[in-house]
Amino acid sequence: MQTGTEPPSWMKGWGHHVMSQPLRTAVDPNALTAACMLRTAAQLVAAERVAQARTLYERLLSRYSSSELAYYVDQAKEALLSLPASDPSLVAFRAHQNLSH
């Protein structure tokens, strides 16, 4: 683990109770969630589950529209544009419906 800043010299006089504090980082939970959604949607596309990926990308766009998360929104928009126009399983389902009538 990396160490953060050293304590001020006036505190070092207190002995072994004073030590360097660990480096702390903060993560924006919304950014983390958006990144995970992008990764999951990409995995769904790779598994040929395009409809589910499309739903996840669209959910990301509707949920995280703030300018602070513009990177993730842009990534989702680009991914949506790259998806096939129709999902093969949906087309097959529709074709099957038409045959039964």
N, C-alpha and C. Protein backbone atom coordinates (compact mmCIF):
# COMPACT_ATOMS: atom_id res chain seq x y z
N MET A 1 0.85 -1.18 0.00
CA MET A 1 0.00 0.00 0.00
C MET A 1 0.89 1.24 0.00
N GLN A 2 0.54 2.20 -0.81
CA GLN A 2 1.29 3.44 -0.85
C GLN A 2 0.94 4.27 0.38
N THR A 3 1.91 5.07 0.80
CA THR A 3 1.65 5.94 1.95
C THR A 3 1.37 7.34 1.46
N GLY A 4 0.58 8.05 2.22
CA GLY A 4 0.24 9.42 1.89
C GLY A 4 1.28 10.38 2.45
N THR A 5 0.83 11.52 2.87
CA THR A 5 1.74 12.55 3.39
C THR A 5 2.21 12.23 4.79
N GLU A 6 3.38 12.71 5.08
CA GLU A 6 3.93 12.57 6.43
C GLU A 6 3.17 13.51 7.37
N PRO A 7 3.03 13.13 8.63
CA PRO A 7 2.39 14.04 9.59
C PRO A 7 3.29 15.25 9.84
N PRO A 8 2.70 16.36 10.27
CA PRO A 8 3.50 17.56 10.56
C PRO A 8 4.53 17.26 11.65
N SER A 9 5.63 17.99 11.61
CA SER A 9 6.73 17.74 12.55
C SER A 9 6.30 17.91 14.00
N TRP A 10 5.42 18.85 14.30
CA TRP A 10 4.99 19.06 15.68
C TRP A 10 4.23 17.85 16.23
N MET A 11 3.64 17.03 15.33
CA MET A 11 2.92 15.84 15.79
C MET A 11 3.85 14.66 16.03
N LYS A 12 4.99 14.65 15.36
CA LYS A 12 5.92 13.53 15.49
C LYS A 12 6.45 13.39 16.92
N GLY A 13 6.37 14.46 17.68
CA GLY A 13 6.82 14.43 19.07
C GLY A 13 5.94 13.54 19.95
N TRP A 14 4.80 13.16 19.48
CA TRP A 14 3.90 12.32 20.26
C TRP A 14 4.29 10.84 20.23
N GLY A 15 5.32 10.53 19.48
CA GLY A 15 5.83 9.16 19.50
C GLY A 15 5.22 8.24 18.46
N HIS A 16 5.17 6.95 18.84
CA HIS A 16 4.76 5.92 17.91
C HIS A 16 3.26 5.96 17.55
N HIS A 17 2.51 6.80 18.22
CA HIS A 17 1.08 6.93 17.90
C HIS A 17 0.83 7.71 16.61
N VAL A 18 1.85 8.42 16.16
CA VAL A 18 1.72 9.25 14.96
C VAL A 18 2.47 8.56 13.82
N MET A 19 1.78 8.32 12.74
CA MET A 19 2.42 7.69 11.58
C MET A 19 1.79 8.23 10.29
N SER A 20 2.42 7.92 9.19
CA SER A 20 1.89 8.33 7.90
C SER A 20 0.55 7.65 7.66
N GLN A 21 -0.33 8.39 7.06
CA GLN A 21 -1.65 7.84 6.75
C GLN A 21 -1.63 7.23 5.34
N PRO A 22 -2.41 6.19 5.11
CA PRO A 22 -2.45 5.60 3.77
C PRO A 22 -3.04 6.58 2.76
N LEU A 23 -2.63 6.41 1.53
CA LEU A 23 -3.15 7.22 0.45
C LEU A 23 -4.61 6.84 0.24
N ARG A 24 -5.47 7.81 0.26
CA ARG A 24 -6.90 7.54 0.09
C ARG A 24 -7.36 8.11 -1.24
N THR A 25 -8.17 7.34 -1.92
CA THR A 25 -8.77 7.81 -3.17
C THR A 25 -10.26 7.66 -3.05
N ALA A 26 -10.96 8.50 -3.74
CA ALA A 26 -12.42 8.44 -3.74
C ALA A 26 -12.89 8.07 -5.14
N VAL A 27 -13.92 7.27 -5.20
CA VAL A 27 -14.49 6.85 -6.47
C VAL A 27 -15.92 7.36 -6.53
N ASP A 28 -16.28 7.94 -7.65
CA ASP A 28 -17.65 8.38 -7.86
C ASP A 28 -18.49 7.14 -8.15
N PRO A 29 -19.44 6.81 -7.28
CA PRO A 29 -20.23 5.60 -7.49
C PRO A 29 -21.03 5.63 -8.80
N ASN A 30 -21.45 6.81 -9.23
CA ASN A 30 -22.18 6.89 -10.50
C ASN A 30 -21.26 6.59 -11.69
N ALA A 31 -20.05 7.09 -11.64
CA ALA A 31 -19.09 6.80 -12.70
C ALA A 31 -18.73 5.32 -12.72
N LEU A 32 -18.56 4.75 -11.55
CA LEU A 32 -18.25 3.33 -11.46
C LEU A 32 -19.40 2.49 -12.02
N THR A 33 -20.62 2.86 -11.68
CA THR A 33 -21.79 2.13 -12.19
C THR A 33 -21.90 2.26 -13.69
N ALA A 34 -21.70 3.47 -14.22
CA ALA A 34 -21.77 3.68 -15.67
C ALA A 34 -20.69 2.86 -16.38
N ALA A 35 -19.49 2.83 -15.84
CA ALA A 35 -18.40 2.05 -16.45
C ALA A 35 -18.74 0.56 -16.45
N CYS A 36 -19.32 0.09 -15.36
CA CYS A 36 -19.71 -1.32 -15.28
C CYS A 36 -20.83 -1.64 -16.26
N MET A 37 -21.76 -0.71 -16.43
CA MET A 37 -22.85 -0.91 -17.39
C MET A 37 -22.29 -1.01 -18.81
N LEU A 38 -21.33 -0.14 -19.15
CA LEU A 38 -20.72 -0.20 -20.47
C LEU A 38 -20.02 -1.54 -20.70
N ARG A 39 -19.28 -1.97 -19.71
CA ARG A 39 -18.54 -3.24 -19.82
C ARG A 39 -19.51 -4.42 -19.95
N THR A 40 -20.56 -4.42 -19.16
CA THR A 40 -21.54 -5.50 -19.21
C THR A 40 -22.25 -5.53 -20.56
N ALA A 41 -22.63 -4.36 -21.05
CA ALA A 41 -23.29 -4.30 -22.36
C ALA A 41 -22.36 -4.80 -23.46
N ALA A 42 -21.10 -4.46 -23.39
CA ALA A 42 -20.14 -4.95 -24.39
C ALA A 42 -20.02 -6.47 -24.33
N GLN A 43 -20.05 -7.02 -23.14
CA GLN A 43 -20.00 -8.48 -22.99
C GLN A 43 -21.27 -9.13 -23.54
N LEU A 44 -22.40 -8.46 -23.36
CA LEU A 44 -23.66 -8.98 -23.91
C LEU A 44 -23.61 -8.98 -25.44
N VAL A 45 -23.05 -7.95 -26.03
CA VAL A 45 -22.90 -7.90 -27.49
C VAL A 45 -22.01 -9.06 -27.94
N ALA A 46 -20.91 -9.28 -27.25
CA ALA A 46 -20.00 -10.36 -27.60
C ALA A 46 -20.68 -11.73 -27.50
N ALA A 47 -21.63 -11.84 -26.59
CA ALA A 47 -22.39 -13.09 -26.42
C ALA A 47 -23.62 -13.15 -27.32
N GLU A 48 -23.71 -12.19 -28.24
CA GLU A 48 -24.81 -12.10 -29.20
C GLU A 48 -26.17 -11.93 -28.52
N ARG A 49 -26.17 -11.19 -27.43
CA ARG A 49 -27.40 -10.85 -26.73
C ARG A 49 -27.64 -9.35 -26.92
N VAL A 50 -27.84 -8.99 -28.17
CA VAL A 50 -27.89 -7.59 -28.59
C VAL A 50 -29.06 -6.84 -27.97
N ALA A 51 -30.21 -7.46 -27.88
CA ALA A 51 -31.38 -6.77 -27.31
C ALA A 51 -31.13 -6.36 -25.87
N GLN A 52 -30.51 -7.24 -25.10
CA GLN A 52 -30.20 -6.92 -23.71
C GLN A 52 -29.14 -5.83 -23.63
N ALA A 53 -28.16 -5.88 -24.51
CA ALA A 53 -27.13 -4.84 -24.53
C ALA A 53 -27.75 -3.49 -24.87
N ARG A 54 -28.63 -3.49 -25.87
CA ARG A 54 -29.31 -2.25 -26.26
C ARG A 54 -30.08 -1.66 -25.08
N THR A 55 -30.77 -2.50 -24.34
CA THR A 55 -31.53 -2.05 -23.17
C THR A 55 -30.60 -1.43 -22.13
N LEU A 56 -29.46 -2.05 -21.92
CA LEU A 56 -28.51 -1.54 -20.93
C LEU A 56 -27.92 -0.21 -21.37
N TYR A 57 -27.55 -0.08 -22.65
CA TYR A 57 -27.04 1.19 -23.15
C TYR A 57 -28.10 2.29 -23.02
N GLU A 58 -29.34 1.97 -23.36
CA GLU A 58 -30.41 2.96 -23.28
C GLU A 58 -30.68 3.36 -21.83
N ARG A 59 -30.60 2.41 -20.94
CA ARG A 59 -30.78 2.71 -19.51
C ARG A 59 -29.68 3.64 -19.02
N LEU A 60 -28.46 3.39 -19.46
CA LEU A 60 -27.35 4.27 -19.09
C LEU A 60 -27.62 5.69 -19.58
N LEU A 61 -28.08 5.83 -20.81
CA LEU A 61 -28.37 7.16 -21.36
C LEU A 61 -29.47 7.87 -20.59
N SER A 62 -30.49 7.15 -20.19
CA SER A 62 -31.59 7.79 -19.47
C SER A 62 -31.25 8.10 -18.02
N ARG A 63 -30.39 7.29 -17.43
CA ARG A 63 -30.09 7.46 -16.01
C ARG A 63 -28.94 8.43 -15.74
N TYR A 64 -27.96 8.47 -16.61
CA TYR A 64 -26.76 9.26 -16.37
C TYR A 64 -26.59 10.31 -17.46
N SER A 65 -27.40 11.32 -17.42
CA SER A 65 -27.33 12.35 -18.46
C SER A 65 -26.56 13.60 -18.02
N SER A 66 -25.99 13.59 -16.83
CA SER A 66 -25.28 14.78 -16.35
C SER A 66 -23.98 14.98 -17.13
N SER A 67 -23.55 16.23 -17.19
CA SER A 67 -22.32 16.55 -17.93
C SER A 67 -21.09 15.93 -17.28
N GLU A 68 -21.15 15.61 -16.00
CA GLU A 68 -20.02 15.00 -15.31
C GLU A 68 -19.73 13.60 -15.83
N LEU A 69 -20.74 12.95 -16.39
CA LEU A 69 -20.58 11.59 -16.89
C LEU A 69 -20.66 11.54 -18.41
N ALA A 70 -20.31 12.66 -19.05
CA ALA A 70 -20.42 12.78 -20.51
C ALA A 70 -19.60 11.71 -21.23
N TYR A 71 -18.47 11.35 -20.69
CA TYR A 71 -17.63 10.32 -21.32
C TYR A 71 -18.42 9.02 -21.47
N TYR A 72 -19.09 8.60 -20.41
CA TYR A 72 -19.83 7.34 -20.43
C TYR A 72 -21.06 7.43 -21.34
N VAL A 73 -21.70 8.57 -21.32
CA VAL A 73 -22.86 8.79 -22.19
C VAL A 73 -22.43 8.72 -23.64
N ASP A 74 -21.32 9.36 -23.98
CA ASP A 74 -20.81 9.32 -25.35
C ASP A 74 -20.45 7.90 -25.77
N GLN A 75 -19.85 7.15 -24.87
CA GLN A 75 -19.50 5.76 -25.17
C GLN A 75 -20.76 4.93 -25.44
N ALA A 76 -21.80 5.15 -24.65
CA ALA A 76 -23.05 4.42 -24.84
C ALA A 76 -23.71 4.79 -26.17
N LYS A 77 -23.68 6.07 -26.51
CA LYS A 77 -24.25 6.51 -27.79
C LYS A 77 -23.53 5.86 -28.96
N GLU A 78 -22.20 5.87 -28.91
CA GLU A 78 -21.41 5.26 -29.98
C GLU A 78 -21.70 3.77 -30.08
N ALA A 79 -21.80 3.11 -28.94
CA ALA A 79 -22.07 1.67 -28.95
C ALA A 79 -23.45 1.38 -29.53
N LEU A 80 -24.43 2.19 -29.18
CA LEU A 80 -25.78 1.99 -29.72
C LEU A 80 -25.78 2.12 -31.24
N LEU A 81 -25.03 3.08 -31.75
CA LEU A 81 -24.97 3.27 -33.20
C LEU A 81 -24.30 2.10 -33.90
N SER A 82 -23.41 1.42 -33.21
CA SER A 82 -22.69 0.30 -33.82
C SER A 82 -23.44 -1.02 -33.75
N LEU A 83 -24.53 -1.06 -32.98
CA LEU A 83 -25.30 -2.30 -32.86
C LEU A 83 -26.06 -2.58 -34.15
N PRO A 84 -26.30 -3.86 -34.45
CA PRO A 84 -27.11 -4.19 -35.62
C PRO A 84 -28.51 -3.58 -35.49
N ALA A 85 -29.12 -3.29 -36.62
CA ALA A 85 -30.44 -2.64 -36.63
C ALA A 85 -31.51 -3.51 -35.99
N SER A 86 -31.39 -4.82 -36.10
CA SER A 86 -32.40 -5.70 -35.49
C SER A 86 -31.71 -6.88 -34.85
N ASP A 87 -32.36 -7.42 -33.88
CA ASP A 87 -31.86 -8.58 -33.16
C ASP A 87 -32.36 -9.83 -33.88
N PRO A 88 -31.47 -10.77 -34.29
CA PRO A 88 -31.91 -11.96 -35.02
C PRO A 88 -32.97 -12.78 -34.28
N SER A 89 -32.86 -12.88 -32.96
CA SER A 89 -33.85 -13.66 -32.22
C SER A 89 -35.22 -12.99 -32.27
N LEU A 90 -35.23 -11.68 -32.32
CA LEU A 90 -36.48 -10.95 -32.42
C LEU A 90 -37.10 -11.15 -33.80
N VAL A 91 -36.29 -11.13 -34.83
CA VAL A 91 -36.77 -11.35 -36.19
C VAL A 91 -37.33 -12.76 -36.31
N ALA A 92 -36.63 -13.74 -35.76
CA ALA A 92 -37.11 -15.12 -35.82
C ALA A 92 -38.42 -15.26 -35.08
N PHE A 93 -38.56 -14.61 -33.97
CA PHE A 93 -39.79 -14.67 -33.20
C PHE A 93 -40.94 -14.09 -34.01
N ARG A 94 -40.72 -12.96 -34.61
CA ARG A 94 -41.75 -12.31 -35.42
C ARG A 94 -42.13 -13.16 -36.61
N ALA A 95 -41.14 -13.77 -37.26
CA ALA A 95 -41.42 -14.63 -38.40
C ALA A 95 -42.26 -15.82 -37.98
N HIS A 96 -41.96 -16.36 -36.82
CA HIS A 96 -42.71 -17.49 -36.30
C HIS A 96 -44.15 -17.08 -36.00
N GLN A 97 -44.35 -15.90 -35.48
CA GLN A 97 -45.70 -15.40 -35.20
C GLN A 97 -46.51 -15.29 -36.47
N ASN A 98 -45.89 -14.78 -37.54
CA ASN A 98 -46.59 -14.60 -38.81
C ASN A 98 -47.00 -15.95 -39.41
N LEU A 99 -46.22 -16.98 -39.21
CA LEU A 99 -46.53 -18.29 -39.75
C LEU A 99 -47.73 -18.91 -39.05
N SER A 100 -47.94 -18.61 -37.80
CA SER A 100 -49.01 -19.26 -37.06
C SER A 100 -50.38 -18.67 -37.37
N HIS A 101 -50.43 -17.51 -38.03
CA HIS A 101 -51.72 -16.90 -38.34
C HIS A 101 -52.24 -17.32 -39.64
